[in-house]
């Protein structure tokens, strides 16, 4: 296992995706910045933040699992917000359709780590 959360692939993937989503959300119409824009910024940030917090509690298997589940749930929430944005703002989102694939990939990786921790985590 990694010596730091910064060595986890899911950490670096989620952080890079957060930066992309944050920048993209700021391109939304002004009235949407504090609605769906704010929601997707928070859910995307939560994916990454829960990985960090969970890793900090890795000594306690149950806590680590709980925060990985939170991260995975926030990943799903971000995907849901992306779906809405793609539908509502196709002209803004047309060059960012890859984000759905990237978040699906990240979700699979979070799930793989979650299954590993559940099955064989030892400190």
N, C-alpha and C. Protein backbone atom coordinates (compact mmCIF):
# COMPACT_ATOMS: atom_id res chain seq x y z
N UNK A 1 0.85 -1.19 0.00
CA UNK A 1 0.00 0.00 0.00
C UNK A 1 0.89 1.24 0.00
N UNK A 2 0.34 2.30 -0.46
CA UNK A 2 1.06 3.57 -0.58
C UNK A 2 1.43 4.12 0.80
N UNK A 3 2.52 4.89 0.82
CA UNK A 3 2.95 5.54 2.06
C UNK A 3 2.22 6.85 2.31
N UNK A 4 1.58 7.36 1.28
CA UNK A 4 0.86 8.62 1.37
C UNK A 4 -0.34 8.55 0.43
N UNK A 5 -1.40 9.26 0.77
CA UNK A 5 -2.57 9.30 -0.12
C UNK A 5 -2.17 9.86 -1.49
N UNK A 6 -1.12 10.67 -1.53
CA UNK A 6 -0.69 11.26 -2.79
C UNK A 6 -0.14 10.21 -3.76
N UNK A 7 0.20 9.03 -3.25
CA UNK A 7 0.68 7.95 -4.10
C UNK A 7 -0.46 7.10 -4.67
N UNK A 8 -1.67 7.32 -4.19
CA UNK A 8 -2.81 6.55 -4.69
C UNK A 8 -3.23 7.08 -6.06
N UNK A 9 -3.40 6.18 -7.01
CA UNK A 9 -3.84 6.59 -8.34
C UNK A 9 -5.20 7.28 -8.28
N UNK A 10 -6.09 6.79 -7.44
CA UNK A 10 -7.42 7.41 -7.36
C UNK A 10 -7.34 8.83 -6.83
N UNK A 11 -6.34 9.11 -6.00
CA UNK A 11 -6.16 10.48 -5.51
C UNK A 11 -5.79 11.40 -6.67
N UNK A 12 -4.77 11.04 -7.43
CA UNK A 12 -4.32 11.93 -8.50
C UNK A 12 -5.38 12.05 -9.60
N UNK A 13 -6.05 10.96 -9.93
CA UNK A 13 -7.12 11.03 -10.93
C UNK A 13 -8.24 11.95 -10.46
N UNK A 14 -8.66 11.78 -9.22
CA UNK A 14 -9.79 12.59 -8.71
C UNK A 14 -9.42 14.06 -8.59
N UNK A 15 -8.18 14.34 -8.23
CA UNK A 15 -7.75 15.74 -8.13
C UNK A 15 -7.71 16.39 -9.51
N UNK A 16 -7.15 15.70 -10.48
CA UNK A 16 -7.11 16.25 -11.85
C UNK A 16 -8.51 16.44 -12.42
N UNK A 17 -9.40 15.51 -12.16
CA UNK A 17 -10.78 15.66 -12.62
C UNK A 17 -11.47 16.83 -11.91
N UNK A 18 -11.19 17.00 -10.63
CA UNK A 18 -11.76 18.14 -9.91
C UNK A 18 -11.35 19.45 -10.57
N UNK A 19 -10.07 19.58 -10.89
CA UNK A 19 -9.59 20.82 -11.53
C UNK A 19 -10.32 21.06 -12.86
N UNK A 20 -10.52 20.01 -13.64
CA UNK A 20 -11.22 20.15 -14.91
C UNK A 20 -12.68 20.56 -14.71
N UNK A 21 -13.35 19.88 -13.79
CA UNK A 21 -14.75 20.17 -13.53
C UNK A 21 -14.92 21.59 -12.96
N UNK A 22 -14.04 21.97 -12.09
CA UNK A 22 -14.13 23.30 -11.49
C UNK A 22 -14.04 24.37 -12.58
N UNK A 23 -13.04 24.27 -13.44
CA UNK A 23 -12.88 25.24 -14.52
C UNK A 23 -14.08 25.23 -15.46
N UNK A 24 -14.54 24.04 -15.79
CA UNK A 24 -15.69 23.91 -16.68
C UNK A 24 -16.94 24.54 -16.07
N UNK A 25 -17.15 24.31 -14.80
CA UNK A 25 -18.36 24.83 -14.14
C UNK A 25 -18.41 26.36 -14.15
N UNK A 26 -17.26 26.98 -14.20
CA UNK A 26 -17.21 28.45 -14.21
C UNK A 26 -17.59 29.02 -15.58
N UNK A 27 -17.73 28.16 -16.58
CA UNK A 27 -18.17 28.59 -17.91
C UNK A 27 -19.69 28.57 -18.06
N UNK A 28 -20.37 28.07 -17.04
CA UNK A 28 -21.82 28.01 -17.09
C UNK A 28 -22.42 29.41 -17.01
N UNK A 29 -23.66 29.56 -17.47
CA UNK A 29 -24.31 30.87 -17.34
C UNK A 29 -24.33 31.32 -15.88
N UNK A 30 -24.30 32.61 -15.69
CA UNK A 30 -24.21 33.18 -14.34
C UNK A 30 -25.27 32.62 -13.38
N UNK A 31 -26.50 32.50 -13.86
CA UNK A 31 -27.58 32.00 -13.00
C UNK A 31 -27.37 30.55 -12.59
N UNK A 32 -26.52 29.81 -13.31
CA UNK A 32 -26.27 28.41 -13.00
C UNK A 32 -25.04 28.21 -12.12
N UNK A 33 -24.22 29.23 -11.97
CA UNK A 33 -22.99 29.10 -11.18
C UNK A 33 -23.26 28.68 -9.75
N UNK A 34 -24.36 29.16 -9.18
CA UNK A 34 -24.65 28.87 -7.77
C UNK A 34 -25.68 27.77 -7.60
N UNK A 35 -26.12 27.19 -8.70
CA UNK A 35 -27.05 26.07 -8.65
C UNK A 35 -26.30 24.79 -9.02
N UNK A 36 -26.48 24.34 -10.23
CA UNK A 36 -25.84 23.10 -10.68
C UNK A 36 -24.32 23.24 -10.70
N UNK A 37 -23.83 24.43 -11.01
CA UNK A 37 -22.38 24.66 -11.00
C UNK A 37 -21.77 24.41 -9.62
N UNK A 38 -22.43 24.94 -8.61
CA UNK A 38 -21.96 24.74 -7.24
C UNK A 38 -22.05 23.27 -6.83
N UNK A 39 -23.13 22.62 -7.22
CA UNK A 39 -23.32 21.21 -6.85
C UNK A 39 -22.23 20.33 -7.46
N UNK A 40 -21.92 20.55 -8.72
CA UNK A 40 -20.90 19.68 -9.34
C UNK A 40 -19.51 19.99 -8.80
N UNK A 41 -19.26 21.25 -8.46
CA UNK A 41 -17.95 21.57 -7.85
C UNK A 41 -17.83 20.86 -6.50
N UNK A 42 -18.89 20.89 -5.70
CA UNK A 42 -18.83 20.25 -4.38
C UNK A 42 -18.74 18.73 -4.46
N UNK A 43 -19.51 18.13 -5.36
CA UNK A 43 -19.46 16.65 -5.45
C UNK A 43 -18.11 16.19 -5.99
N UNK A 44 -17.58 16.91 -6.97
CA UNK A 44 -16.27 16.56 -7.52
C UNK A 44 -15.17 16.71 -6.47
N UNK A 45 -15.26 17.77 -5.69
CA UNK A 45 -14.30 17.97 -4.60
C UNK A 45 -14.43 16.86 -3.55
N UNK A 46 -15.65 16.45 -3.29
CA UNK A 46 -15.90 15.42 -2.28
C UNK A 46 -15.30 14.07 -2.66
N UNK A 47 -15.27 13.76 -3.94
CA UNK A 47 -14.64 12.50 -4.38
C UNK A 47 -13.20 12.48 -3.88
N UNK A 48 -12.48 13.55 -4.15
CA UNK A 48 -11.07 13.65 -3.79
C UNK A 48 -10.87 13.77 -2.27
N UNK A 49 -11.64 14.61 -1.65
CA UNK A 49 -11.48 14.87 -0.21
C UNK A 49 -11.74 13.63 0.63
N UNK A 50 -12.72 12.83 0.24
CA UNK A 50 -13.01 11.62 1.00
C UNK A 50 -11.92 10.56 0.84
N UNK A 51 -11.24 10.56 -0.29
CA UNK A 51 -10.09 9.66 -0.44
C UNK A 51 -9.01 10.06 0.56
N UNK A 52 -8.73 11.35 0.64
CA UNK A 52 -7.71 11.85 1.57
C UNK A 52 -8.10 11.54 3.01
N UNK A 53 -9.34 11.86 3.38
CA UNK A 53 -9.75 11.64 4.77
C UNK A 53 -9.78 10.15 5.11
N UNK A 54 -10.26 9.33 4.17
CA UNK A 54 -10.28 7.89 4.41
C UNK A 54 -8.89 7.32 4.59
N UNK A 55 -7.96 7.77 3.75
CA UNK A 55 -6.58 7.29 3.88
C UNK A 55 -6.00 7.68 5.23
N UNK A 56 -6.35 8.86 5.70
CA UNK A 56 -5.88 9.30 7.01
C UNK A 56 -6.41 8.45 8.15
N UNK A 57 -7.50 7.75 7.90
CA UNK A 57 -8.10 6.87 8.92
C UNK A 57 -7.90 5.39 8.58
N UNK A 58 -6.94 5.10 7.71
CA UNK A 58 -6.74 3.73 7.23
C UNK A 58 -6.42 2.73 8.33
N UNK A 59 -5.94 3.22 9.46
CA UNK A 59 -5.66 2.32 10.59
C UNK A 59 -6.95 1.62 11.05
N UNK A 60 -8.07 2.28 10.81
CA UNK A 60 -9.38 1.74 11.20
C UNK A 60 -10.11 1.32 9.93
N UNK A 61 -10.08 0.03 9.65
CA UNK A 61 -10.61 -0.52 8.40
C UNK A 61 -12.02 -0.02 8.12
N UNK A 62 -12.87 -0.02 9.12
CA UNK A 62 -14.25 0.42 8.93
C UNK A 62 -14.35 1.87 8.49
N UNK A 63 -13.51 2.72 9.06
CA UNK A 63 -13.49 4.13 8.66
C UNK A 63 -12.99 4.28 7.24
N UNK A 64 -11.94 3.56 6.90
CA UNK A 64 -11.39 3.63 5.55
C UNK A 64 -12.47 3.23 4.54
N UNK A 65 -13.15 2.13 4.82
CA UNK A 65 -14.23 1.66 3.94
C UNK A 65 -15.32 2.71 3.83
N UNK A 66 -15.72 3.28 4.95
CA UNK A 66 -16.79 4.28 4.96
C UNK A 66 -16.43 5.46 4.05
N UNK A 67 -15.21 5.96 4.14
CA UNK A 67 -14.83 7.11 3.33
C UNK A 67 -14.64 6.75 1.86
N UNK A 68 -14.23 5.53 1.57
CA UNK A 68 -14.18 5.10 0.18
C UNK A 68 -15.59 5.00 -0.41
N UNK A 69 -16.54 4.55 0.41
CA UNK A 69 -17.94 4.52 -0.03
C UNK A 69 -18.44 5.94 -0.28
N UNK A 70 -18.12 6.87 0.61
CA UNK A 70 -18.50 8.28 0.40
C UNK A 70 -17.90 8.80 -0.89
N UNK A 71 -16.64 8.49 -1.14
CA UNK A 71 -15.97 8.94 -2.34
C UNK A 71 -16.67 8.38 -3.58
N UNK A 72 -16.97 7.10 -3.55
CA UNK A 72 -17.64 6.46 -4.67
C UNK A 72 -19.03 7.08 -4.89
N UNK A 73 -19.73 7.35 -3.82
CA UNK A 73 -21.05 7.98 -3.92
C UNK A 73 -20.96 9.38 -4.52
N UNK A 74 -19.97 10.13 -4.11
CA UNK A 74 -19.76 11.47 -4.67
C UNK A 74 -19.37 11.39 -6.14
N UNK A 75 -18.65 10.34 -6.50
CA UNK A 75 -18.31 10.12 -7.90
C UNK A 75 -19.60 9.91 -8.72
N UNK A 76 -20.50 9.08 -8.20
CA UNK A 76 -21.79 8.85 -8.86
C UNK A 76 -22.59 10.15 -8.96
N UNK A 77 -22.58 10.93 -7.90
CA UNK A 77 -23.28 12.21 -7.90
C UNK A 77 -22.70 13.13 -8.98
N UNK A 78 -21.40 13.17 -9.10
CA UNK A 78 -20.75 14.00 -10.12
C UNK A 78 -21.16 13.55 -11.51
N UNK A 79 -21.21 12.24 -11.73
CA UNK A 79 -21.68 11.71 -13.01
C UNK A 79 -23.10 12.16 -13.31
N UNK A 80 -23.94 12.15 -12.30
CA UNK A 80 -25.33 12.60 -12.46
C UNK A 80 -25.38 14.07 -12.86
N UNK A 81 -24.58 14.89 -12.21
CA UNK A 81 -24.53 16.31 -12.56
C UNK A 81 -24.00 16.51 -13.98
N UNK A 82 -23.01 15.72 -14.37
CA UNK A 82 -22.49 15.80 -15.74
C UNK A 82 -23.58 15.49 -16.76
N UNK A 83 -24.38 14.47 -16.49
CA UNK A 83 -25.49 14.12 -17.37
C UNK A 83 -26.42 15.32 -17.55
N UNK A 84 -26.74 15.98 -16.47
CA UNK A 84 -27.63 17.15 -16.54
C UNK A 84 -27.01 18.27 -17.35
N UNK A 85 -25.73 18.52 -17.10
CA UNK A 85 -25.05 19.59 -17.83
C UNK A 85 -24.97 19.29 -19.32
N UNK A 86 -24.71 18.05 -19.67
CA UNK A 86 -24.63 17.66 -21.08
C UNK A 86 -25.98 17.89 -21.75
N UNK A 87 -27.03 17.59 -21.05
CA UNK A 87 -28.37 17.78 -21.60
C UNK A 87 -28.75 19.27 -21.68
N UNK A 88 -28.48 20.01 -20.62
CA UNK A 88 -28.90 21.41 -20.54
C UNK A 88 -28.00 22.36 -21.32
N UNK A 89 -26.71 22.05 -21.39
CA UNK A 89 -25.74 22.97 -22.01
C UNK A 89 -24.83 22.25 -23.00
N UNK A 90 -25.41 21.67 -24.04
CA UNK A 90 -24.59 20.90 -24.99
C UNK A 90 -23.48 21.71 -25.64
N UNK A 91 -23.70 22.99 -25.86
CA UNK A 91 -22.66 23.79 -26.51
C UNK A 91 -21.44 23.97 -25.61
N UNK A 92 -21.65 24.04 -24.30
CA UNK A 92 -20.54 24.17 -23.35
C UNK A 92 -19.87 22.82 -23.13
N UNK A 93 -20.68 21.77 -23.14
CA UNK A 93 -20.19 20.44 -22.76
C UNK A 93 -19.64 19.62 -23.93
N UNK A 94 -19.84 20.04 -25.16
CA UNK A 94 -19.48 19.22 -26.31
C UNK A 94 -18.01 18.78 -26.31
N UNK A 95 -17.12 19.62 -25.83
CA UNK A 95 -15.70 19.26 -25.79
C UNK A 95 -15.30 18.56 -24.50
N UNK A 96 -16.27 18.25 -23.65
CA UNK A 96 -15.96 17.68 -22.34
C UNK A 96 -16.73 16.37 -22.08
N UNK A 97 -17.20 15.74 -23.12
CA UNK A 97 -17.94 14.49 -22.97
C UNK A 97 -17.06 13.38 -22.40
N UNK A 98 -15.76 13.51 -22.58
CA UNK A 98 -14.81 12.53 -22.04
C UNK A 98 -14.87 12.46 -20.51
N UNK A 99 -15.37 13.50 -19.87
CA UNK A 99 -15.43 13.50 -18.40
C UNK A 99 -16.30 12.37 -17.87
N UNK A 100 -17.37 12.02 -18.58
CA UNK A 100 -18.20 10.89 -18.14
C UNK A 100 -17.37 9.61 -18.12
N UNK A 101 -16.62 9.38 -19.18
CA UNK A 101 -15.77 8.19 -19.26
C UNK A 101 -14.72 8.22 -18.15
N UNK A 102 -14.13 9.39 -17.94
CA UNK A 102 -13.09 9.53 -16.91
C UNK A 102 -13.65 9.26 -15.52
N UNK A 103 -14.86 9.77 -15.24
CA UNK A 103 -15.46 9.53 -13.93
C UNK A 103 -15.92 8.08 -13.78
N UNK A 104 -16.38 7.46 -14.85
CA UNK A 104 -16.72 6.03 -14.79
C UNK A 104 -15.47 5.21 -14.49
N UNK A 105 -14.36 5.55 -15.12
CA UNK A 105 -13.09 4.88 -14.88
C UNK A 105 -12.66 5.06 -13.42
N UNK A 106 -12.76 6.29 -12.93
CA UNK A 106 -12.39 6.57 -11.54
C UNK A 106 -13.29 5.77 -10.58
N UNK A 107 -14.58 5.74 -10.86
CA UNK A 107 -15.50 4.98 -10.00
C UNK A 107 -15.13 3.52 -9.93
N UNK A 108 -14.72 2.95 -11.06
CA UNK A 108 -14.30 1.54 -11.08
C UNK A 108 -13.04 1.34 -10.24
N UNK A 109 -12.12 2.28 -10.30
CA UNK A 109 -10.88 2.18 -9.53
C UNK A 109 -11.14 2.33 -8.02
N UNK A 110 -12.03 3.26 -7.66
CA UNK A 110 -12.39 3.41 -6.25
C UNK A 110 -13.04 2.12 -5.77
N UNK A 111 -13.93 1.56 -6.58
CA UNK A 111 -14.61 0.31 -6.22
C UNK A 111 -13.62 -0.83 -6.05
N UNK A 112 -12.61 -0.89 -6.91
CA UNK A 112 -11.59 -1.95 -6.79
C UNK A 112 -10.83 -1.83 -5.48
N UNK A 113 -10.44 -0.60 -5.12
CA UNK A 113 -9.74 -0.41 -3.85
C UNK A 113 -10.66 -0.76 -2.68
N UNK A 114 -11.91 -0.37 -2.78
CA UNK A 114 -12.88 -0.68 -1.73
C UNK A 114 -13.01 -2.19 -1.53
N UNK A 115 -13.11 -2.92 -2.62
CA UNK A 115 -13.20 -4.39 -2.52
C UNK A 115 -11.93 -4.98 -1.91
N UNK A 116 -10.78 -4.45 -2.31
CA UNK A 116 -9.51 -4.93 -1.74
C UNK A 116 -9.47 -4.69 -0.23
N UNK A 117 -9.84 -3.49 0.19
CA UNK A 117 -9.80 -3.16 1.62
C UNK A 117 -10.77 -4.06 2.38
N UNK A 118 -11.97 -4.25 1.83
CA UNK A 118 -12.97 -5.11 2.50
C UNK A 118 -12.46 -6.54 2.65
N UNK A 119 -11.80 -7.05 1.62
CA UNK A 119 -11.40 -8.46 1.61
C UNK A 119 -10.12 -8.76 2.34
N UNK A 120 -9.14 -7.84 2.28
CA UNK A 120 -7.82 -8.24 2.78
C UNK A 120 -7.04 -7.13 3.45
N UNK A 121 -7.72 -6.13 3.94
CA UNK A 121 -7.00 -5.01 4.57
C UNK A 121 -6.46 -5.42 5.93
N UNK A 122 -5.17 -5.22 6.08
CA UNK A 122 -4.53 -5.44 7.37
C UNK A 122 -3.56 -4.30 7.59
N UNK A 123 -3.49 -3.84 8.82
CA UNK A 123 -2.55 -2.74 9.10
C UNK A 123 -1.29 -3.29 9.71
